[in-house]
Amino acid sequence: MPESKTRHPHKHTDHHPKHSSAQPHPKKISKIVIATVLFCGVLGLGISYFIASDSIATLLLGTLIGATVGYIFGHEVDKSFSKK
């Protein structure tokens, strides 16, 4: 079809706007995750204190293991509450 020289082309709307940043927004750590990390870290510290009362390395290892378990448990609880 011939195109008219006086006709203006249609404006194409952008249906999918591009974001200015290519990186997604960082996820916020919920309060339940922080609470379970702290609770399980202290619990791990207490358990490791009763197992090996004087060893600092064992106390640190118990605290790290407890905090890791708390992080994993807190993430699972956060996911289950956010499913609603």
N, C-alpha and C. Protein backbone atom coordinates (compact mmCIF):
# COMPACT_ATOMS: atom_id res chain seq x y z
N MET A 1 0.83 -1.18 0.00
CA MET A 1 0.00 0.00 0.00
C MET A 1 0.88 1.24 0.00
N PRO A 2 0.47 2.23 -0.70
CA PRO A 2 1.26 3.46 -0.69
C PRO A 2 1.08 4.22 0.61
N GLU A 3 2.12 4.86 1.05
CA GLU A 3 2.06 5.63 2.29
C GLU A 3 1.88 7.10 1.96
N SER A 4 1.01 7.72 2.72
CA SER A 4 0.77 9.13 2.53
C SER A 4 1.94 9.93 3.09
N LYS A 5 2.33 10.97 2.38
CA LYS A 5 3.44 11.78 2.85
C LYS A 5 3.01 12.73 3.96
N THR A 6 1.74 12.99 4.09
CA THR A 6 1.26 13.91 5.13
C THR A 6 0.82 13.17 6.39
N ARG A 7 0.74 11.87 6.32
CA ARG A 7 0.27 11.10 7.48
C ARG A 7 1.41 10.93 8.49
N HIS A 8 1.09 11.18 9.75
CA HIS A 8 2.07 11.00 10.81
C HIS A 8 2.04 9.56 11.30
N PRO A 9 3.19 8.99 11.61
CA PRO A 9 3.19 7.60 12.10
C PRO A 9 2.57 7.50 13.49
N HIS A 10 2.02 6.35 13.80
CA HIS A 10 1.43 6.11 15.11
C HIS A 10 2.50 6.10 16.18
N LYS A 11 2.10 6.59 17.34
CA LYS A 11 3.00 6.52 18.47
C LYS A 11 2.85 5.15 19.10
N HIS A 12 3.95 4.46 19.25
CA HIS A 12 3.92 3.14 19.87
C HIS A 12 4.17 3.30 21.37
N THR A 13 3.21 2.82 22.14
CA THR A 13 3.40 2.88 23.59
C THR A 13 4.27 1.72 24.02
N ASP A 14 5.02 1.97 25.03
CA ASP A 14 5.91 0.93 25.56
C ASP A 14 5.13 0.12 26.59
N HIS A 15 4.71 -1.09 26.20
CA HIS A 15 3.91 -1.93 27.09
C HIS A 15 4.74 -2.52 28.22
N HIS A 16 6.01 -2.67 28.01
CA HIS A 16 6.89 -3.24 29.01
C HIS A 16 8.01 -2.23 29.28
N PRO A 17 7.79 -1.35 30.22
CA PRO A 17 8.84 -0.35 30.47
C PRO A 17 10.11 -0.99 30.99
N LYS A 18 11.21 -0.47 30.56
CA LYS A 18 12.50 -1.00 31.00
C LYS A 18 12.91 -0.30 32.28
N HIS A 19 13.47 -1.06 33.19
CA HIS A 19 13.91 -0.50 34.45
C HIS A 19 15.27 0.17 34.27
N SER A 20 15.48 1.18 35.07
CA SER A 20 16.73 1.92 34.94
C SER A 20 17.93 1.11 35.43
N SER A 21 17.69 0.20 36.40
CA SER A 21 18.79 -0.62 36.89
C SER A 21 18.58 -2.07 36.47
N ALA A 22 19.63 -2.70 36.09
CA ALA A 22 19.53 -4.08 35.64
C ALA A 22 19.46 -5.06 36.81
N GLN A 23 19.85 -4.62 38.00
CA GLN A 23 19.85 -5.51 39.16
C GLN A 23 18.49 -5.48 39.84
N PRO A 24 18.02 -6.64 40.29
CA PRO A 24 16.77 -6.65 41.04
C PRO A 24 16.97 -6.05 42.43
N HIS A 25 15.88 -5.64 43.04
CA HIS A 25 15.97 -5.05 44.38
C HIS A 25 16.45 -6.12 45.37
N PRO A 26 17.33 -5.75 46.27
CA PRO A 26 17.78 -6.74 47.25
C PRO A 26 16.64 -7.12 48.18
N LYS A 27 16.58 -8.40 48.52
CA LYS A 27 15.53 -8.88 49.40
C LYS A 27 15.80 -8.42 50.82
N LYS A 28 14.75 -8.02 51.47
CA LYS A 28 14.86 -7.60 52.84
C LYS A 28 14.77 -8.82 53.74
N ILE A 29 15.64 -8.90 54.73
CA ILE A 29 15.58 -10.00 55.67
C ILE A 29 14.48 -9.69 56.67
N SER A 30 13.54 -10.62 56.80
CA SER A 30 12.41 -10.36 57.68
C SER A 30 12.81 -10.46 59.15
N LYS A 31 11.95 -9.93 59.99
CA LYS A 31 12.25 -9.91 61.42
C LYS A 31 12.21 -11.31 62.02
N ILE A 32 11.40 -12.20 61.47
CA ILE A 32 11.34 -13.56 62.00
C ILE A 32 12.65 -14.29 61.76
N VAL A 33 13.30 -14.01 60.64
CA VAL A 33 14.59 -14.65 60.35
C VAL A 33 15.64 -14.15 61.34
N ILE A 34 15.65 -12.86 61.59
CA ILE A 34 16.61 -12.29 62.54
C ILE A 34 16.38 -12.86 63.94
N ALA A 35 15.10 -12.98 64.33
CA ALA A 35 14.78 -13.50 65.66
C ALA A 35 15.20 -14.95 65.80
N THR A 36 14.97 -15.78 64.76
CA THR A 36 15.35 -17.19 64.87
C THR A 36 16.87 -17.36 64.83
N VAL A 37 17.56 -16.51 64.09
CA VAL A 37 19.03 -16.59 64.07
C VAL A 37 19.58 -16.28 65.46
N LEU A 38 19.06 -15.23 66.07
CA LEU A 38 19.54 -14.87 67.41
C LEU A 38 19.18 -15.94 68.44
N PHE A 39 17.95 -16.42 68.40
CA PHE A 39 17.51 -17.43 69.37
C PHE A 39 18.31 -18.73 69.23
N CYS A 40 18.44 -19.22 68.01
CA CYS A 40 19.17 -20.48 67.81
C CYS A 40 20.67 -20.30 68.02
N GLY A 41 21.20 -19.11 67.77
CA GLY A 41 22.62 -18.86 68.06
C GLY A 41 22.91 -18.91 69.54
N VAL A 42 22.03 -18.30 70.33
CA VAL A 42 22.20 -18.35 71.79
C VAL A 42 21.97 -19.77 72.30
N LEU A 43 20.99 -20.46 71.72
CA LEU A 43 20.75 -21.86 72.10
C LEU A 43 21.96 -22.73 71.77
N GLY A 44 22.56 -22.52 70.60
CA GLY A 44 23.77 -23.26 70.23
C GLY A 44 24.93 -22.93 71.14
N LEU A 45 25.04 -21.68 71.55
CA LEU A 45 26.08 -21.28 72.50
C LEU A 45 25.89 -21.99 73.83
N GLY A 46 24.65 -22.06 74.30
CA GLY A 46 24.37 -22.74 75.56
C GLY A 46 24.65 -24.22 75.50
N ILE A 47 24.26 -24.86 74.41
CA ILE A 47 24.50 -26.30 74.27
C ILE A 47 26.00 -26.57 74.19
N SER A 48 26.73 -25.75 73.42
CA SER A 48 28.17 -25.98 73.30
C SER A 48 28.89 -25.67 74.62
N TYR A 49 28.34 -24.78 75.44
CA TYR A 49 28.94 -24.50 76.74
C TYR A 49 28.81 -25.70 77.67
N PHE A 50 27.66 -26.37 77.63
CA PHE A 50 27.48 -27.54 78.49
C PHE A 50 28.27 -28.74 77.99
N ILE A 51 28.54 -28.81 76.69
CA ILE A 51 29.32 -29.93 76.15
C ILE A 51 30.81 -29.73 76.45
N ALA A 52 31.33 -28.56 76.09
CA ALA A 52 32.76 -28.28 76.32
C ALA A 52 32.85 -26.90 76.93
N SER A 53 32.90 -26.84 78.24
CA SER A 53 32.73 -25.58 78.95
C SER A 53 33.84 -24.55 78.73
N ASP A 54 35.06 -24.97 78.52
CA ASP A 54 36.15 -24.00 78.46
C ASP A 54 36.67 -23.69 77.05
N SER A 55 36.37 -24.52 76.09
CA SER A 55 36.95 -24.35 74.77
C SER A 55 36.23 -23.24 73.99
N ILE A 56 36.98 -22.18 73.66
CA ILE A 56 36.41 -21.04 72.92
C ILE A 56 36.04 -21.47 71.50
N ALA A 57 36.87 -22.33 70.90
CA ALA A 57 36.58 -22.78 69.53
C ALA A 57 35.27 -23.55 69.48
N THR A 58 35.01 -24.36 70.49
CA THR A 58 33.76 -25.13 70.52
C THR A 58 32.57 -24.20 70.74
N LEU A 59 32.75 -23.17 71.57
CA LEU A 59 31.68 -22.20 71.78
C LEU A 59 31.34 -21.46 70.49
N LEU A 60 32.37 -21.04 69.75
CA LEU A 60 32.14 -20.35 68.48
C LEU A 60 31.50 -21.27 67.44
N LEU A 61 31.97 -22.51 67.41
CA LEU A 61 31.40 -23.47 66.46
C LEU A 61 29.93 -23.75 66.78
N GLY A 62 29.61 -23.92 68.04
CA GLY A 62 28.22 -24.14 68.44
C GLY A 62 27.33 -22.95 68.11
N THR A 63 27.86 -21.75 68.31
CA THR A 63 27.10 -20.55 67.99
C THR A 63 26.86 -20.43 66.49
N LEU A 64 27.89 -20.71 65.69
CA LEU A 64 27.74 -20.64 64.23
C LEU A 64 26.77 -21.69 63.71
N ILE A 65 26.85 -22.89 64.24
CA ILE A 65 25.92 -23.94 63.81
C ILE A 65 24.49 -23.57 64.21
N GLY A 66 24.32 -23.06 65.42
CA GLY A 66 22.99 -22.64 65.86
C GLY A 66 22.43 -21.51 65.02
N ALA A 67 23.27 -20.53 64.68
CA ALA A 67 22.81 -19.41 63.86
C ALA A 67 22.45 -19.87 62.45
N THR A 68 23.21 -20.82 61.92
CA THR A 68 22.91 -21.35 60.58
C THR A 68 21.58 -22.08 60.58
N VAL A 69 21.38 -22.92 61.58
CA VAL A 69 20.11 -23.63 61.70
C VAL A 69 18.96 -22.64 61.87
N GLY A 70 19.17 -21.60 62.66
CA GLY A 70 18.15 -20.57 62.84
C GLY A 70 17.83 -19.82 61.57
N TYR A 71 18.84 -19.56 60.75
CA TYR A 71 18.62 -18.87 59.49
C TYR A 71 17.77 -19.72 58.55
N ILE A 72 18.12 -20.99 58.44
CA ILE A 72 17.37 -21.90 57.56
C ILE A 72 15.93 -22.05 58.07
N PHE A 73 15.78 -22.26 59.38
CA PHE A 73 14.45 -22.42 59.96
C PHE A 73 13.63 -21.14 59.80
N GLY A 74 14.24 -19.99 60.02
CA GLY A 74 13.54 -18.72 59.88
C GLY A 74 13.09 -18.45 58.45
N HIS A 75 13.93 -18.83 57.48
CA HIS A 75 13.55 -18.67 56.08
C HIS A 75 12.34 -19.53 55.74
N GLU A 76 12.32 -20.76 56.23
CA GLU A 76 11.20 -21.65 55.96
C GLU A 76 9.92 -21.13 56.60
N VAL A 77 10.02 -20.63 57.81
CA VAL A 77 8.85 -20.07 58.49
C VAL A 77 8.37 -18.83 57.75
N ASP A 78 9.27 -17.99 57.28
CA ASP A 78 8.90 -16.79 56.55
C ASP A 78 8.21 -17.15 55.25
N LYS A 79 8.70 -18.17 54.54
CA LYS A 79 8.06 -18.60 53.30
C LYS A 79 6.66 -19.13 53.54
N SER A 80 6.49 -19.91 54.62
CA SER A 80 5.18 -20.48 54.88
C SER A 80 4.17 -19.42 55.30
N PHE A 81 4.60 -18.38 56.01
CA PHE A 81 3.68 -17.31 56.39
C PHE A 81 3.36 -16.38 55.23
N SER A 82 4.25 -16.26 54.26
CA SER A 82 4.01 -15.35 53.15
C SER A 82 3.19 -15.98 52.04
N LYS A 83 2.91 -17.28 52.08
CA LYS A 83 2.15 -17.95 51.04
C LYS A 83 0.67 -17.55 51.04
N LYS A 84 0.10 -17.27 52.16
CA LYS A 84 -1.30 -16.92 52.35
C LYS A 84 -2.12 -17.05 51.12
